[in-house]
Amino acid sequence: MVDEIITQAERSGLGKADFYYWRYQYELGRDIIVPYFQKNICEIKGKKIAEIGSAEGGVLHSFVRAGAEYGLGTDIAKNRLESGRKVSAAAQLNVEFTSHNILYDEIPSKWQNYFDIVILRDVIEHLSETELAIVRIRELLREGGFLYVTFPPYRSPYGGHQHTLAGNFITKLPYIHLFPDFIFKKMISSGRQIDQEETLRLREIRLSSKKFKECVYSAGLTIAKEDYYLLRPVFQKKFGLPSLKIGAIGKIPFFGDFLSLECMYVLKK
């Protein structure tokens, strides 16, 4: 059965690349994230959802399609937000998009204590001040609201995001970001300058599961659910692979990070 939202998105005027990314996000939300919430966390119907780093907003569109009352997408990439607006208009979905930096921009009063669910998918590892980011996102949540977070811990096989650099096969190898600085910098030197800089910035942040949980508790949130994956759920969409959890091993400090391609947490205010 053809999903009518996908058909409407195709007709919205998105470029080929933008539609590709939007559709990937939408199907990820529709087939994986929304069912996960409905089964394990809460019903979606009537909820207000925000996504930090939403890009084209496909995940948000999947939540509203599933019955959420309202969606807000924020990002610093304005061109990607514009693509999300086009889909919202074409599909008549109540999702708004606005440029906002969660670390440094003022949080509008109308957002405070307003959202039932906030999504932070593969973003937190890029934010230089982890605890500040969580504290500020906490302001968005109503009491009893949930924050859904995923990220690859830095010590995981591709936690340095080295695989995103084009140029040579070496950057596709796991764990090379754990080599000493002078070796790693040489390995990534053929990549685009902007990608090299981001990879080196992640090297400074080095977000681990232990550091993340310490920041969560300091910010006054509780962990409602946590899972650690050897094969990430997103691999179902990217490669047709099943997701594979590593269970209690993932909770072992330091060691679990080496095996976990994804840490997934649902936090509660």
C-alpha atoms as a PDB file:
ATOM      1  CA  MET A   1       0.000   0.000   0.000  1.00  0.00           C
ATOM      2  CA  VAL A   2       1.377   3.407  -0.994  1.00  0.00           C
ATOM      3  CA  ASP A   3       1.669   5.824   1.934  1.00  0.00           C
ATOM      4  CA  GLU A   4      -0.186   8.967   0.839  1.00  0.00           C
ATOM      5  CA  ILE A   5       2.184  11.204   2.847  1.00  0.00           C
ATOM      6  CA  ILE A   6       5.101   9.953   0.760  1.00  0.00           C
ATOM      7  CA  THR A   7       3.153  10.689  -2.415  1.00  0.00           C
ATOM      8  CA  GLN A   8       2.348  14.188  -1.196  1.00  0.00           C
ATOM      9  CA  ALA A   9       6.002  14.761  -0.239  1.00  0.00           C
ATOM     10  CA  GLU A  10       7.066  13.743  -3.745  1.00  0.00           C
ATOM     11  CA  ARG A  11       4.769  16.420  -5.140  1.00  0.00           C
ATOM     12  CA  SER A  12       5.908  19.122  -2.714  1.00  0.00           C
ATOM     13  CA  GLY A  13       8.806  20.355  -4.826  1.00  0.00           C
ATOM     14  CA  LEU A  14      11.663  18.778  -2.871  1.00  0.00           C
ATOM     15  CA  GLY A  15      14.898  18.121  -4.711  1.00  0.00           C
ATOM     16  CA  LYS A  16      15.961  14.522  -5.202  1.00  0.00           C
ATOM     17  CA  ALA A  17      18.467  14.528  -2.333  1.00  0.00           C
ATOM     18  CA  ASP A  18      16.111  16.315   0.072  1.00  0.00           C
ATOM     19  CA  PHE A  19      13.309  13.866  -0.698  1.00  0.00           C
ATOM     20  CA  TYR A  20      15.682  10.934  -0.134  1.00  0.00           C
ATOM     21  CA  TYR A  21      16.627  12.173   3.329  1.00  0.00           C
ATOM     22  CA  TRP A  22      13.047  13.119   4.220  1.00  0.00           C
ATOM     23  CA  ARG A  23      11.718   9.715   3.181  1.00  0.00           C
ATOM     24  CA  TYR A  24      14.420   7.892   5.159  1.00  0.00           C
ATOM     25  CA  GLN A  25      13.499   9.923   8.266  1.00  0.00           C
ATOM     26  CA  TYR A  26       9.771   9.441   7.753  1.00  0.00           C
ATOM     27  CA  GLU A  27       9.983   5.670   7.325  1.00  0.00           C
ATOM     28  CA  LEU A  28      12.359   5.420  10.296  1.00  0.00           C
ATOM     29  CA  GLY A  29       9.793   7.219  12.441  1.00  0.00           C
ATOM     30  CA  ARG A  30       6.767   5.400  11.014  1.00  0.00           C
ATOM     31  CA  ASP A  31       8.214   1.875  11.196  1.00  0.00           C
ATOM     32  CA  ILE A  32      10.580   2.033  14.183  1.00  0.00           C
ATOM     33  CA  ILE A  33      10.402   5.049  16.528  1.00  0.00           C
ATOM     34  CA  VAL A  34       6.629   5.571  16.685  1.00  0.00           C
ATOM     35  CA  PRO A  35       5.896   1.846  17.257  1.00  0.00           C
ATOM     36  CA  TYR A  36       8.626   1.766  19.916  1.00  0.00           C
ATOM     37  CA  PHE A  37       6.933   4.608  21.809  1.00  0.00           C
ATOM     38  CA  GLN A  38       3.487   3.088  21.436  1.00  0.00           C
ATOM     39  CA  LYS A  39       4.669  -0.267  22.738  1.00  0.00           C
ATOM     40  CA  ASN A  40       7.093   0.791  25.485  1.00  0.00           C
ATOM     41  CA  ILE A  41       6.534   4.403  26.528  1.00  0.00           C
ATOM     42  CA  CYS A  42       3.205   6.082  25.821  1.00  0.00           C
ATOM     43  CA  GLU A  43       0.446   6.626  23.312  1.00  0.00           C
ATOM     44  CA  ILE A  44       1.156   9.218  20.611  1.00  0.00           C
ATOM     45  CA  LYS A  45      -2.356  10.510  19.987  1.00  0.00           C
ATOM     46  CA  GLY A  46      -2.850  14.091  21.146  1.00  0.00           C
ATOM     47  CA  LYS A  47       0.775  14.597  22.138  1.00  0.00           C
ATOM     48  CA  LYS A  48       2.935  17.641  21.370  1.00  0.00           C
ATOM     49  CA  ILE A  49       6.319  16.666  19.910  1.00  0.00           C
ATOM     50  CA  ALA A  50       9.551  18.617  19.372  1.00  0.00           C
ATOM     51  CA  GLU A  51      12.672  17.423  17.574  1.00  0.00           C
ATOM     52  CA  ILE A  52      16.029  19.122  18.077  1.00  0.00           C
ATOM     53  CA  GLY A  53      18.118  18.774  14.925  1.00  0.00           C
ATOM     54  CA  SER A  54      15.098  17.748  12.891  1.00  0.00           C
ATOM     55  CA  ALA A  55      16.583  18.409   9.425  1.00  0.00           C
ATOM     56  CA  GLU A  56      13.764  17.798   6.892  1.00  0.00           C
ATOM     57  CA  GLY A  57      11.453  16.641   9.673  1.00  0.00           C
ATOM     58  CA  GLY A  58      10.436  13.223   8.411  1.00  0.00           C
ATOM     59  CA  VAL A  59      10.387  11.750  11.931  1.00  0.00           C
ATOM     60  CA  LEU A  60       8.124  14.559  13.150  1.00  0.00           C
ATOM     61  CA  HIS A  61       5.779  14.033  10.220  1.00  0.00           C
ATOM     62  CA  SER A  62       5.522  10.352  11.167  1.00  0.00           C
ATOM     63  CA  PHE A  63       4.493  11.271  14.730  1.00  0.00           C
ATOM     64  CA  VAL A  64       1.811  13.704  13.564  1.00  0.00           C
ATOM     65  CA  ARG A  65       0.622  11.147  11.024  1.00  0.00           C
ATOM     66  CA  ALA A  66       0.280   8.705  13.951  1.00  0.00           C
ATOM     67  CA  GLY A  67      -1.981  11.119  15.822  1.00  0.00           C
ATOM     68  CA  ALA A  68       0.257  13.652  17.564  1.00  0.00           C
ATOM     69  CA  GLU A  69      -1.432  17.026  17.884  1.00  0.00           C
ATOM     70  CA  TYR A  70       1.526  19.228  16.965  1.00  0.00           C
ATOM     71  CA  GLY A  71       5.167  18.999  15.958  1.00  0.00           C
ATOM     72  CA  LEU A  72       8.030  21.513  16.187  1.00  0.00           C
ATOM     73  CA  GLY A  73      11.298  20.974  14.338  1.00  0.00           C
ATOM     74  CA  THR A  74      14.415  23.021  15.081  1.00  0.00           C
ATOM     75  CA  ASP A  75      17.785  22.977  13.363  1.00  0.00           C
ATOM     76  CA  ILE A  76      20.626  25.306  12.447  1.00  0.00           C
ATOM     77  CA  ALA A  77      20.488  24.173   8.780  1.00  0.00           C
ATOM     78  CA  LYS A  78      17.879  26.547   7.370  1.00  0.00           C
ATOM     79  CA  ASN A  79      17.742  24.948   3.918  1.00  0.00           C
ATOM     80  CA  ARG A  80      16.756  21.595   5.412  1.00  0.00           C
ATOM     81  CA  LEU A  81      14.029  23.254   7.484  1.00  0.00           C
ATOM     82  CA  GLU A  82      12.578  24.768   4.333  1.00  0.00           C
ATOM     83  CA  SER A  83      12.236  21.278   2.869  1.00  0.00           C
ATOM     84  CA  GLY A  84      10.288  20.260   5.958  1.00  0.00           C
ATOM     85  CA  ARG A  85       7.954  23.230   5.553  1.00  0.00           C
ATOM     86  CA  LYS A  86       7.179  22.195   1.990  1.00  0.00           C
ATOM     87  CA  VAL A  87       6.133  18.712   3.107  1.00  0.00           C
ATOM     88  CA  SER A  88       4.059  20.056   6.007  1.00  0.00           C
ATOM     89  CA  ALA A  89       2.185  22.306   3.595  1.00  0.00           C
ATOM     90  CA  ALA A  90       1.718  19.652   0.921  1.00  0.00           C
ATOM     91  CA  ALA A  91       0.521  16.986   3.369  1.00  0.00           C
ATOM     92  CA  GLN A  92      -1.366  19.434   5.622  1.00  0.00           C
ATOM     93  CA  LEU A  93       0.434  18.224   8.733  1.00  0.00           C
ATOM     94  CA  ASN A  94       0.639  20.419  11.833  1.00  0.00           C
ATOM     95  CA  VAL A  95       4.439  20.589  11.979  1.00  0.00           C
ATOM     96  CA  GLU A  96       6.321  23.885  12.185  1.00  0.00           C
ATOM     97  CA  PHE A  97      10.035  24.474  11.589  1.00  0.00           C
ATOM     98  CA  THR A  98      12.324  27.181  12.912  1.00  0.00           C
ATOM     99  CA  SER A  99      16.043  27.835  13.099  1.00  0.00           C
ATOM    100  CA  HIS A 100      17.237  27.520  16.707  1.00  0.00           C
ATOM    101  CA  ASN A 101      20.460  26.622  18.524  1.00  0.00           C
ATOM    102  CA  ILE A 102      19.519  24.761  21.692  1.00  0.00           C
ATOM    103  CA  LEU A 103      22.764  25.723  23.439  1.00  0.00           C
ATOM    104  CA  TYR A 104      22.898  29.428  22.792  1.00  0.00           C
ATOM    105  CA  ASP A 105      19.569  30.822  21.544  1.00  0.00           C
ATOM    106  CA  GLU A 106      16.910  32.023  23.956  1.00  0.00           C
ATOM    107  CA  ILE A 107      14.127  29.498  24.487  1.00  0.00           C
ATOM    108  CA  PRO A 108      10.760  31.129  23.673  1.00  0.00           C
ATOM    109  CA  SER A 109       8.356  31.197  26.603  1.00  0.00           C
ATOM    110  CA  LYS A 110       5.684  29.382  24.572  1.00  0.00           C
ATOM    111  CA  TRP A 111       7.987  26.341  24.272  1.00  0.00           C
ATOM    112  CA  GLN A 112       8.680  26.064  27.990  1.00  0.00           C
ATOM    113  CA  ASN A 113       7.008  23.163  29.829  1.00  0.00           C
ATOM    114  CA  TYR A 114       4.963  22.530  26.695  1.00  0.00           C
ATOM    115  CA  PHE A 115       6.056  19.318  24.987  1.00  0.00           C
ATOM    116  CA  ASP A 116       5.125  15.757  25.877  1.00  0.00           C
ATOM    117  CA  ILE A 117       7.997  14.263  23.877  1.00  0.00           C
ATOM    118  CA  VAL A 118      11.296  15.730  22.686  1.00  0.00           C
ATOM    119  CA  ILE A 119      13.438  13.814  20.188  1.00  0.00           C
ATOM    120  CA  LEU A 120      17.220  14.148  20.022  1.00  0.00           C
ATOM    121  CA  ARG A 121      18.353  11.618  17.460  1.00  0.00           C
ATOM    122  CA  ASP A 122      22.088  11.421  16.709  1.00  0.00           C
ATOM    123  CA  VAL A 123      22.613  15.027  17.766  1.00  0.00           C
ATOM    124  CA  ILE A 124      23.823  15.055  21.380  1.00  0.00           C
ATOM    125  CA  GLU A 125      27.307  13.771  20.478  1.00  0.00           C
ATOM    126  CA  HIS A 126      27.787  16.884  18.317  1.00  0.00           C
ATOM    127  CA  LEU A 127      26.904  19.354  21.094  1.00  0.00           C
ATOM    128  CA  SER A 128      29.976  20.659  22.887  1.00  0.00           C
ATOM    129  CA  GLU A 129      28.226  21.136  26.250  1.00  0.00           C
ATOM    130  CA  THR A 130      26.294  17.943  26.946  1.00  0.00           C
ATOM    131  CA  GLU A 131      24.870  18.836  30.338  1.00  0.00           C
ATOM    132  CA  LEU A 132      23.842  22.335  29.266  1.00  0.00           C
ATOM    133  CA  ALA A 133      22.022  20.865  26.258  1.00  0.00           C
ATOM    134  CA  ILE A 134      20.065  18.451  28.476  1.00  0.00           C
ATOM    135  CA  VAL A 135      19.259  21.179  31.014  1.00  0.00           C
ATOM    136  CA  ARG A 136      17.913  23.435  28.271  1.00  0.00           C
ATOM    137  CA  ILE A 137      15.905  20.645  26.628  1.00  0.00           C
ATOM    138  CA  ARG A 138      14.443  19.859  30.051  1.00  0.00           C
ATOM    139  CA  GLU A 139      12.858  23.329  29.940  1.00  0.00           C
ATOM    140  CA  LEU A 140      10.811  22.245  26.918  1.00  0.00           C
ATOM    141  CA  LEU A 141       9.268  19.232  28.638  1.00  0.00           C
ATOM    142  CA  ARG A 142       6.119  19.297  30.678  1.00  0.00           C
ATOM    143  CA  GLU A 143       6.165  17.359  33.959  1.00  0.00           C
ATOM    144  CA  GLY A 144       6.042  13.658  33.115  1.00  0.00           C
ATOM    145  CA  GLY A 145       7.312  14.322  29.573  1.00  0.00           C
ATOM    146  CA  PHE A 146       9.877  12.173  27.780  1.00  0.00           C
ATOM    147  CA  LEU A 147      13.167  12.891  26.032  1.00  0.00           C
ATOM    148  CA  TYR A 148      14.209  10.290  23.447  1.00  0.00           C
ATOM    149  CA  VAL A 149      17.962  10.282  22.782  1.00  0.00           C
ATOM    150  CA  THR A 150      20.156   8.152  20.526  1.00  0.00           C
ATOM    151  CA  PHE A 151      23.867   8.461  19.809  1.00  0.00           C
ATOM    152  CA  PRO A 152      26.918   6.338  19.034  1.00  0.00           C
ATOM    153  CA  PRO A 153      29.324   6.475  22.002  1.00  0.00           C
ATOM    154  CA  TYR A 154      32.722   7.815  21.017  1.00  0.00           C
ATOM    155  CA  ARG A 155      34.586   4.571  21.685  1.00  0.00           C
ATOM    156  CA  SER A 156      32.257   2.555  19.436  1.00  0.00           C
ATOM    157  CA  PRO A 157      33.544   1.335  16.039  1.00  0.00           C
ATOM    158  CA  TYR A 158      32.446   4.498  14.210  1.00  0.00           C
ATOM    159  CA  GLY A 159      31.956   6.856  17.144  1.00  0.00           C
ATOM    160  CA  GLY A 160      34.334   9.328  15.531  1.00  0.00           C
ATOM    161  CA  HIS A 161      32.098   9.607  12.448  1.00  0.00           C
ATOM    162  CA  GLN A 162      35.160   8.896  10.358  1.00  0.00           C
ATOM    163  CA  HIS A 163      33.006   6.928   7.904  1.00  0.00           C
ATOM    164  CA  THR A 164      31.334  10.177   6.807  1.00  0.00           C
ATOM    165  CA  LEU A 165      34.572  11.428   5.244  1.00  0.00           C
ATOM    166  CA  ALA A 166      34.997  10.696   1.561  1.00  0.00           C
ATOM    167  CA  GLY A 167      38.440  10.289   0.067  1.00  0.00           C
ATOM    168  CA  ASN A 168      39.949   6.909   0.861  1.00  0.00           C
ATOM    169  CA  PHE A 169      39.032   3.486   2.164  1.00  0.00           C
ATOM    170  CA  ILE A 170      40.914   3.988   5.436  1.00  0.00           C
ATOM    171  CA  THR A 171      38.162   6.252   6.776  1.00  0.00           C
ATOM    172  CA  LYS A 172      35.705   3.355   6.464  1.00  0.00           C
ATOM    173  CA  LEU A 173      37.656   1.252   8.966  1.00  0.00           C
ATOM    174  CA  PRO A 174      36.355   0.922  12.551  1.00  0.00           C
ATOM    175  CA  TYR A 175      38.134   2.320  15.600  1.00  0.00           C
ATOM    176  CA  ILE A 176      40.710   4.398  13.704  1.00  0.00           C
ATOM    177  CA  HIS A 177      39.492   7.478  15.607  1.00  0.00           C
ATOM    178  CA  LEU A 178      41.038   5.961  18.730  1.00  0.00           C
ATOM    179  CA  PHE A 179      44.529   6.210  17.271  1.00  0.00           C
ATOM    180  CA  PRO A 180      46.842   9.014  18.511  1.00  0.00           C
ATOM    181  CA  ASP A 181      46.136  12.487  17.130  1.00  0.00           C
ATOM    182  CA  PHE A 182      48.970  12.663  14.619  1.00  0.00           C
ATOM    183  CA  ILE A 183      48.020   9.299  13.071  1.00  0.00           C
ATOM    184  CA  PHE A 184      44.287   9.969  12.942  1.00  0.00           C
ATOM    185  CA  LYS A 185      44.722  13.423  11.413  1.00  0.00           C
ATOM    186  CA  LYS A 186      46.860  11.928   8.673  1.00  0.00           C
ATOM    187  CA  MET A 187      44.243   9.250   7.962  1.00  0.00           C
ATOM    188  CA  ILE A 188      41.447  11.787   7.457  1.00  0.00           C
ATOM    189  CA  SER A 189      43.497  14.437   5.646  1.00  0.00           C
ATOM    190  CA  SER A 190      41.973  13.685   2.229  1.00  0.00           C
ATOM    191  CA  GLY A 191      38.432  14.444   3.408  1.00  0.00           C
ATOM    192  CA  ARG A 192      36.582  17.755   2.980  1.00  0.00           C
ATOM    193  CA  GLN A 193      37.877  20.405   5.373  1.00  0.00           C
ATOM    194  CA  ILE A 194      34.469  20.936   6.979  1.00  0.00           C
ATOM    195  CA  ASP A 195      34.114  17.180   7.609  1.00  0.00           C
ATOM    196  CA  GLN A 196      37.608  16.943   9.058  1.00  0.00           C
ATOM    197  CA  GLU A 197      36.842  19.797  11.441  1.00  0.00           C
ATOM    198  CA  GLU A 198      33.630  18.173  12.671  1.00  0.00           C
ATOM    199  CA  THR A 199      35.363  14.825  13.142  1.00  0.00           C
ATOM    200  CA  LEU A 200      38.089  16.484  15.200  1.00  0.00           C
ATOM    201  CA  ARG A 201      35.461  18.371  17.213  1.00  0.00           C
ATOM    202  CA  LEU A 202      33.794  15.078  18.108  1.00  0.00           C
ATOM    203  CA  ARG A 203      37.232  13.904  19.222  1.00  0.00           C
ATOM    204  CA  GLU A 204      37.287  16.764  21.722  1.00  0.00           C
ATOM    205  CA  ILE A 205      33.772  16.028  23.017  1.00  0.00           C
ATOM    206  CA  ARG A 206      34.264  12.216  23.277  1.00  0.00           C
ATOM    207  CA  LEU A 207      30.752  11.517  24.534  1.00  0.00           C
ATOM    208  CA  SER A 208      30.504   8.208  26.388  1.00  0.00           C
ATOM    209  CA  SER A 209      27.493   6.475  27.912  1.00  0.00           C
ATOM    210  CA  LYS A 210      28.931   7.124  31.388  1.00  0.00           C
ATOM    211  CA  LYS A 211      29.411  10.839  30.747  1.00  0.00           C
ATOM    212  CA  PHE A 212      25.939  11.090  29.236  1.00  0.00           C
ATOM    213  CA  LYS A 213      24.234   9.458  32.225  1.00  0.00           C
ATOM    214  CA  GLU A 214      26.127  11.681  34.653  1.00  0.00           C
ATOM    215  CA  CYS A 215      24.808  14.707  32.758  1.00  0.00           C
ATOM    216  CA  VAL A 216      21.272  13.293  32.793  1.00  0.00           C
ATOM    217  CA  TYR A 217      21.247  12.918  36.561  1.00  0.00           C
ATOM    218  CA  SER A 218      22.833  16.351  37.068  1.00  0.00           C
ATOM    219  CA  ALA A 219      20.093  17.854  34.892  1.00  0.00           C
ATOM    220  CA  GLY A 220      17.400  16.350  37.112  1.00  0.00           C
ATOM    221  CA  LEU A 221      16.009  13.766  34.697  1.00  0.00           C
ATOM    222  CA  THR A 222      15.519  10.053  35.279  1.00  0.00           C
ATOM    223  CA  ILE A 223      16.214   7.197  32.872  1.00  0.00           C
ATOM    224  CA  ALA A 224      12.936   5.458  32.069  1.00  0.00           C
ATOM    225  CA  LYS A 225      14.473   3.050  29.566  1.00  0.00           C
ATOM    226  CA  GLU A 226      17.899   2.349  28.078  1.00  0.00           C
ATOM    227  CA  ASP A 227      19.016  -0.029  25.337  1.00  0.00           C
ATOM    228  CA  TYR A 228      22.362  -0.684  23.684  1.00  0.00           C
ATOM    229  CA  TYR A 229      22.663  -1.993  20.157  1.00  0.00           C
ATOM    230  CA  LEU A 230      25.338  -3.908  18.290  1.00  0.00           C
ATOM    231  CA  LEU A 231      23.219  -3.425  15.153  1.00  0.00           C
ATOM    232  CA  ARG A 232      21.286  -0.164  15.226  1.00  0.00           C
ATOM    233  CA  PRO A 233      17.531  -0.096  14.481  1.00  0.00           C
ATOM    234  CA  VAL A 234      18.254   2.420  11.682  1.00  0.00           C
ATOM    235  CA  PHE A 235      20.170  -0.346   9.879  1.00  0.00           C
ATOM    236  CA  GLN A 236      16.786  -1.872   9.022  1.00  0.00           C
ATOM    237  CA  LYS A 237      16.194   1.125   6.763  1.00  0.00           C
ATOM    238  CA  LYS A 238      19.744   1.626   5.556  1.00  0.00           C
ATOM    239  CA  PHE A 239      20.860  -1.937   4.939  1.00  0.00           C
ATOM    240  CA  GLY A 240      17.908  -4.257   5.533  1.00  0.00           C
ATOM    241  CA  LEU A 241      19.557  -5.674   8.673  1.00  0.00           C
ATOM    242  CA  PRO A 242      17.711  -6.624  11.858  1.00  0.00           C
ATOM    243  CA  SER A 243      18.420  -4.636  15.029  1.00  0.00           C
ATOM    244  CA  LEU A 244      20.464  -6.492  17.646  1.00  0.00           C
ATOM    245  CA  LYS A 245      20.710  -5.481  21.303  1.00  0.00           C
ATOM    246  CA  ILE A 246      23.706  -6.401  23.445  1.00  0.00           C
ATOM    247  CA  GLY A 247      21.737  -6.418  26.680  1.00  0.00           C
ATOM    248  CA  ALA A 248      23.410  -5.921  30.055  1.00  0.00           C
ATOM    249  CA  ILE A 249      26.885  -5.829  28.490  1.00  0.00           C
ATOM    250  CA  GLY A 250      26.066  -2.385  27.135  1.00  0.00           C
ATOM    251  CA  LYS A 251      25.687  -1.031  30.666  1.00  0.00           C
ATOM    252  CA  ILE A 252      29.236  -1.946  31.655  1.00  0.00           C
ATOM    253  CA  PRO A 253      31.142   1.351  31.800  1.00  0.00           C
ATOM    254  CA  PHE A 254      33.847   1.803  29.178  1.00  0.00           C
ATOM    255  CA  PHE A 255      33.663  -1.793  27.874  1.00  0.00           C
ATOM    256  CA  GLY A 256      30.061  -1.515  26.680  1.00  0.00           C
ATOM    257  CA  ASP A 257      30.903   1.554  24.616  1.00  0.00           C
ATOM    258  CA  PHE A 258      33.311  -0.430  22.428  1.00  0.00           C
ATOM    259  CA  LEU A 259      30.494  -2.731  21.303  1.00  0.00           C
ATOM    260  CA  SER A 260      27.522  -0.371  21.167  1.00  0.00           C
ATOM    261  CA  LEU A 261      26.916   1.195  17.785  1.00  0.00           C
ATOM    262  CA  GLU A 262      23.981   2.970  19.438  1.00  0.00           C
ATOM    263  CA  CYS A 263      23.025   4.005  22.930  1.00  0.00           C
ATOM    264  CA  MET A 264      19.290   4.666  23.215  1.00  0.00           C
ATOM    265  CA  TYR A 265      17.689   6.361  26.221  1.00  0.00           C
ATOM    266  CA  VAL A 266      14.215   7.501  27.129  1.00  0.00           C
ATOM    267  CA  LEU A 267      14.491  10.111  29.865  1.00  0.00           C
ATOM    268  CA  LYS A 268      11.619  11.363  32.004  1.00  0.00           C
ATOM    269  CA  LYS A 269      11.049  14.727  33.638  1.00  0.00           C
END
